[in-house]
């Protein structure tokens, strides 16, 4: 559920900092969350593909990505179109 604030707060954070912070705190699922926002911004769309390779380089392996996507989908923040043997397509819902 989106907060009821009239004005949302935003933070500009370098990806390298988030990468190091998620490794230091052992929270790779947080990296997946930030990466989803980054890819949405990059694609200029709420719907985009989520490949494994670049995310794995930032510390979130394939299994962690799958777990994070399942948790976010269960929370109602995203939908995931899973395709056998192909990159999943993610849609952010809470933006």
N, C-alpha and C. Protein backbone atom coordinates (compact mmCIF):
# COMPACT_ATOMS: atom_id res chain seq x y z
N UNK A 1 0.83 -1.16 0.00
CA UNK A 1 0.00 0.00 0.00
C UNK A 1 0.89 1.24 0.00
N UNK A 2 0.61 2.17 -0.89
CA UNK A 2 1.39 3.38 -1.01
C UNK A 2 1.07 4.34 0.14
N UNK A 3 2.10 4.99 0.73
CA UNK A 3 1.86 5.93 1.81
C UNK A 3 0.92 7.06 1.37
N UNK A 4 0.23 7.65 2.33
CA UNK A 4 -0.74 8.69 2.04
C UNK A 4 -0.13 10.10 1.96
N UNK A 5 1.18 10.20 2.05
CA UNK A 5 1.82 11.52 1.96
C UNK A 5 1.54 12.16 0.62
N UNK A 6 1.37 13.47 0.63
CA UNK A 6 1.14 14.18 -0.62
C UNK A 6 2.42 14.27 -1.44
N UNK A 7 3.53 14.30 -0.75
CA UNK A 7 4.81 14.43 -1.43
C UNK A 7 5.73 13.30 -0.98
N UNK A 8 6.16 12.46 -1.92
CA UNK A 8 7.06 11.36 -1.59
C UNK A 8 8.50 11.87 -1.51
N UNK A 9 9.25 11.32 -0.58
CA UNK A 9 10.66 11.67 -0.44
C UNK A 9 11.48 10.77 -1.37
N UNK A 10 12.51 11.33 -1.96
CA UNK A 10 13.40 10.58 -2.85
C UNK A 10 14.83 10.74 -2.38
N UNK A 11 15.61 9.70 -2.63
CA UNK A 11 17.03 9.73 -2.29
C UNK A 11 17.82 9.35 -3.53
N UNK A 12 18.83 10.12 -3.80
CA UNK A 12 19.73 9.84 -4.92
C UNK A 12 20.95 9.13 -4.34
N UNK A 13 21.14 7.86 -4.73
CA UNK A 13 22.22 7.06 -4.16
C UNK A 13 23.00 6.40 -5.30
N UNK A 14 24.33 6.51 -5.29
CA UNK A 14 25.12 5.83 -6.31
C UNK A 14 24.98 4.32 -6.20
N UNK A 15 24.86 3.64 -7.34
CA UNK A 15 24.71 2.18 -7.32
C UNK A 15 25.91 1.49 -6.68
N UNK A 16 27.11 2.03 -6.85
CA UNK A 16 28.28 1.40 -6.24
C UNK A 16 28.16 1.40 -4.72
N UNK A 17 27.55 2.45 -4.15
CA UNK A 17 27.38 2.55 -2.70
C UNK A 17 26.38 1.51 -2.21
N UNK A 18 25.26 1.39 -2.92
CA UNK A 18 24.25 0.40 -2.57
C UNK A 18 24.82 -1.01 -2.67
N UNK A 19 25.60 -1.24 -3.72
CA UNK A 19 26.23 -2.55 -3.91
C UNK A 19 27.10 -2.89 -2.70
N UNK A 20 27.94 -1.98 -2.29
CA UNK A 20 28.83 -2.23 -1.15
C UNK A 20 28.04 -2.34 0.15
N UNK A 21 27.01 -1.53 0.31
CA UNK A 21 26.21 -1.57 1.54
C UNK A 21 25.45 -2.89 1.67
N UNK A 22 24.90 -3.38 0.56
CA UNK A 22 24.16 -4.65 0.64
C UNK A 22 25.10 -5.82 0.88
N UNK A 23 26.32 -5.74 0.39
CA UNK A 23 27.30 -6.79 0.69
C UNK A 23 27.73 -6.72 2.15
N UNK A 24 27.98 -5.51 2.64
CA UNK A 24 28.42 -5.33 4.03
C UNK A 24 27.36 -5.77 5.03
N UNK A 25 26.10 -5.54 4.70
CA UNK A 25 25.01 -5.90 5.61
C UNK A 25 24.40 -7.26 5.29
N UNK A 26 24.95 -7.92 4.29
CA UNK A 26 24.48 -9.24 3.85
C UNK A 26 22.98 -9.22 3.55
N UNK A 27 22.56 -8.24 2.73
CA UNK A 27 21.16 -8.12 2.34
C UNK A 27 21.04 -8.01 0.81
N UNK A 28 21.36 -9.08 0.10
CA UNK A 28 21.33 -9.01 -1.36
C UNK A 28 19.93 -8.77 -1.93
N UNK A 29 18.87 -9.11 -1.17
CA UNK A 29 17.53 -8.83 -1.68
C UNK A 29 17.28 -7.32 -1.78
N UNK A 30 17.94 -6.55 -0.93
CA UNK A 30 17.82 -5.09 -1.02
C UNK A 30 18.43 -4.60 -2.34
N UNK A 31 19.50 -5.24 -2.78
CA UNK A 31 20.11 -4.87 -4.06
C UNK A 31 19.14 -5.16 -5.20
N UNK A 32 18.40 -6.25 -5.11
CA UNK A 32 17.41 -6.57 -6.14
C UNK A 32 16.35 -5.47 -6.19
N UNK A 33 15.89 -5.01 -5.04
CA UNK A 33 14.87 -3.95 -4.99
C UNK A 33 15.37 -2.67 -5.65
N UNK A 34 16.56 -2.25 -5.31
CA UNK A 34 17.14 -1.03 -5.88
C UNK A 34 17.35 -1.22 -7.38
N UNK A 35 17.80 -2.40 -7.78
CA UNK A 35 18.06 -2.68 -9.19
C UNK A 35 16.77 -2.60 -10.00
N UNK A 36 15.66 -3.06 -9.43
CA UNK A 36 14.37 -2.96 -10.11
C UNK A 36 14.01 -1.51 -10.38
N UNK A 37 14.20 -0.66 -9.40
CA UNK A 37 13.92 0.77 -9.59
C UNK A 37 14.83 1.37 -10.65
N UNK A 38 16.10 0.98 -10.62
CA UNK A 38 17.05 1.48 -11.62
C UNK A 38 16.65 1.05 -13.03
N UNK A 39 16.32 -0.23 -13.20
CA UNK A 39 15.95 -0.71 -14.53
C UNK A 39 14.66 -0.06 -15.03
N UNK A 40 13.73 0.20 -14.13
CA UNK A 40 12.49 0.88 -14.52
C UNK A 40 12.81 2.29 -15.01
N UNK A 41 13.67 2.98 -14.29
CA UNK A 41 14.08 4.33 -14.69
C UNK A 41 14.80 4.29 -16.04
N UNK A 42 15.70 3.32 -16.19
CA UNK A 42 16.48 3.19 -17.42
C UNK A 42 15.58 2.89 -18.62
N UNK A 43 14.58 2.03 -18.42
CA UNK A 43 13.67 1.65 -19.49
C UNK A 43 12.59 2.71 -19.73
N UNK A 44 12.49 3.68 -18.81
CA UNK A 44 11.43 4.70 -18.86
C UNK A 44 10.06 4.04 -18.93
N UNK A 45 9.93 2.94 -18.17
CA UNK A 45 8.71 2.15 -18.17
C UNK A 45 8.64 1.35 -16.88
N UNK A 46 7.44 1.05 -16.44
CA UNK A 46 7.26 0.21 -15.26
C UNK A 46 7.46 -1.27 -15.59
N UNK A 47 7.51 -1.61 -16.87
CA UNK A 47 7.69 -2.99 -17.32
C UNK A 47 9.03 -3.14 -18.04
N UNK A 48 9.80 -4.14 -17.63
CA UNK A 48 11.15 -4.31 -18.18
C UNK A 48 11.64 -5.73 -17.92
N UNK A 49 12.62 -6.22 -18.69
CA UNK A 49 13.22 -7.54 -18.44
C UNK A 49 14.23 -7.45 -17.29
N UNK A 50 14.41 -8.56 -16.58
CA UNK A 50 15.36 -8.61 -15.47
C UNK A 50 16.32 -9.78 -15.64
N UNK A 51 17.40 -9.59 -16.43
CA UNK A 51 18.38 -10.67 -16.62
C UNK A 51 19.24 -10.88 -15.38
N UNK A 52 19.88 -12.04 -15.30
CA UNK A 52 20.70 -12.40 -14.14
C UNK A 52 22.08 -11.76 -14.12
N UNK A 53 22.71 -11.62 -15.27
CA UNK A 53 24.14 -11.32 -15.33
C UNK A 53 24.57 -10.05 -14.60
N UNK A 54 23.98 -8.91 -14.93
CA UNK A 54 24.44 -7.66 -14.30
C UNK A 54 24.08 -7.61 -12.82
N UNK A 55 22.98 -8.21 -12.45
CA UNK A 55 22.59 -8.26 -11.04
C UNK A 55 23.54 -9.15 -10.25
N UNK A 56 23.96 -10.26 -10.83
CA UNK A 56 24.90 -11.16 -10.16
C UNK A 56 26.24 -10.47 -9.93
N UNK A 57 26.66 -9.62 -10.86
CA UNK A 57 27.91 -8.88 -10.69
C UNK A 57 27.83 -7.92 -9.52
N UNK A 58 26.63 -7.54 -9.14
CA UNK A 58 26.42 -6.60 -8.04
C UNK A 58 26.12 -7.30 -6.72
N UNK A 59 26.23 -8.63 -6.71
CA UNK A 59 26.13 -9.36 -5.45
C UNK A 59 24.84 -10.10 -5.20
N UNK A 60 23.92 -10.13 -6.15
CA UNK A 60 22.66 -10.85 -5.96
C UNK A 60 22.57 -11.98 -6.99
N UNK A 61 22.83 -13.18 -6.54
CA UNK A 61 22.82 -14.35 -7.42
C UNK A 61 21.40 -14.72 -7.85
N UNK A 62 21.31 -15.62 -8.79
CA UNK A 62 20.05 -16.04 -9.41
C UNK A 62 19.00 -16.48 -8.39
N UNK A 63 19.40 -17.31 -7.43
CA UNK A 63 18.43 -17.80 -6.43
C UNK A 63 17.92 -16.66 -5.55
N UNK A 64 18.79 -15.73 -5.23
CA UNK A 64 18.39 -14.59 -4.42
C UNK A 64 17.43 -13.70 -5.19
N UNK A 65 17.68 -13.54 -6.49
CA UNK A 65 16.79 -12.77 -7.34
C UNK A 65 15.40 -13.40 -7.36
N UNK A 66 15.36 -14.71 -7.52
CA UNK A 66 14.09 -15.42 -7.56
C UNK A 66 13.33 -15.25 -6.25
N UNK A 67 14.03 -15.37 -5.13
CA UNK A 67 13.41 -15.22 -3.82
C UNK A 67 12.90 -13.80 -3.62
N UNK A 68 13.70 -12.82 -4.00
CA UNK A 68 13.29 -11.41 -3.85
C UNK A 68 12.07 -11.11 -4.71
N UNK A 69 12.05 -11.61 -5.95
CA UNK A 69 10.90 -11.38 -6.82
C UNK A 69 9.64 -12.01 -6.23
N UNK A 70 9.76 -13.21 -5.68
CA UNK A 70 8.60 -13.88 -5.08
C UNK A 70 8.07 -13.07 -3.89
N UNK A 71 8.98 -12.55 -3.05
CA UNK A 71 8.57 -11.75 -1.89
C UNK A 71 7.90 -10.45 -2.31
N UNK A 72 8.46 -9.78 -3.31
CA UNK A 72 7.88 -8.52 -3.79
C UNK A 72 6.53 -8.75 -4.46
N UNK A 73 6.42 -9.86 -5.17
CA UNK A 73 5.16 -10.19 -5.83
C UNK A 73 4.08 -10.51 -4.78
N UNK A 74 4.46 -11.24 -3.76
CA UNK A 74 3.54 -11.59 -2.67
C UNK A 74 3.06 -10.33 -1.94
N UNK A 75 3.93 -9.34 -1.83
CA UNK A 75 3.59 -8.07 -1.17
C UNK A 75 2.75 -7.15 -2.06
N UNK A 76 2.57 -7.53 -3.32
CA UNK A 76 1.77 -6.73 -4.23
C UNK A 76 2.49 -5.53 -4.82
N UNK A 77 3.83 -5.54 -4.78
CA UNK A 77 4.60 -4.43 -5.32
C UNK A 77 4.96 -4.60 -6.78
N UNK A 78 4.99 -5.86 -7.24
CA UNK A 78 5.36 -6.14 -8.63
C UNK A 78 4.52 -7.30 -9.16
N UNK A 79 4.54 -7.46 -10.48
CA UNK A 79 4.08 -8.70 -11.10
C UNK A 79 5.25 -9.22 -11.93
N UNK A 80 5.32 -10.53 -12.08
CA UNK A 80 6.43 -11.14 -12.82
C UNK A 80 5.84 -12.09 -13.85
N UNK A 81 6.25 -11.90 -15.09
CA UNK A 81 5.90 -12.82 -16.16
C UNK A 81 7.09 -13.77 -16.32
N UNK A 82 6.91 -14.98 -15.85
CA UNK A 82 7.98 -15.98 -15.92
C UNK A 82 7.84 -16.77 -17.21
N UNK A 83 8.95 -16.88 -17.93
CA UNK A 83 8.96 -17.61 -19.21
C UNK A 83 10.04 -18.67 -19.12
N UNK A 84 9.69 -19.89 -19.43
CA UNK A 84 10.63 -21.02 -19.30
C UNK A 84 11.92 -20.76 -20.07
N UNK A 85 13.03 -20.77 -19.35
CA UNK A 85 14.34 -20.62 -19.96
C UNK A 85 14.66 -19.22 -20.45
N UNK A 86 13.83 -18.24 -20.11
CA UNK A 86 14.05 -16.87 -20.58
C UNK A 86 14.02 -15.90 -19.41
N UNK A 87 14.50 -14.71 -19.66
CA UNK A 87 14.52 -13.64 -18.66
C UNK A 87 13.10 -13.27 -18.26
N UNK A 88 12.84 -13.14 -16.95
CA UNK A 88 11.50 -12.73 -16.54
C UNK A 88 11.23 -11.26 -16.88
N UNK A 89 9.96 -10.96 -17.10
CA UNK A 89 9.53 -9.59 -17.34
C UNK A 89 8.86 -9.10 -16.06
N UNK A 90 9.34 -7.99 -15.52
CA UNK A 90 8.85 -7.45 -14.26
C UNK A 90 8.05 -6.18 -14.53
N UNK A 91 6.95 -6.01 -13.80
CA UNK A 91 6.18 -4.77 -13.85
C UNK A 91 6.06 -4.24 -12.43
N UNK A 92 6.51 -3.01 -12.21
CA UNK A 92 6.37 -2.37 -10.90
C UNK A 92 4.94 -1.86 -10.78
N UNK A 93 4.30 -2.15 -9.66
CA UNK A 93 2.91 -1.75 -9.47
C UNK A 93 2.74 -0.53 -8.58
N UNK A 94 3.68 -0.32 -7.67
CA UNK A 94 3.50 0.70 -6.64
C UNK A 94 4.11 2.05 -7.00
N UNK A 95 4.28 2.35 -8.28
CA UNK A 95 4.86 3.64 -8.62
C UNK A 95 3.83 4.61 -9.09
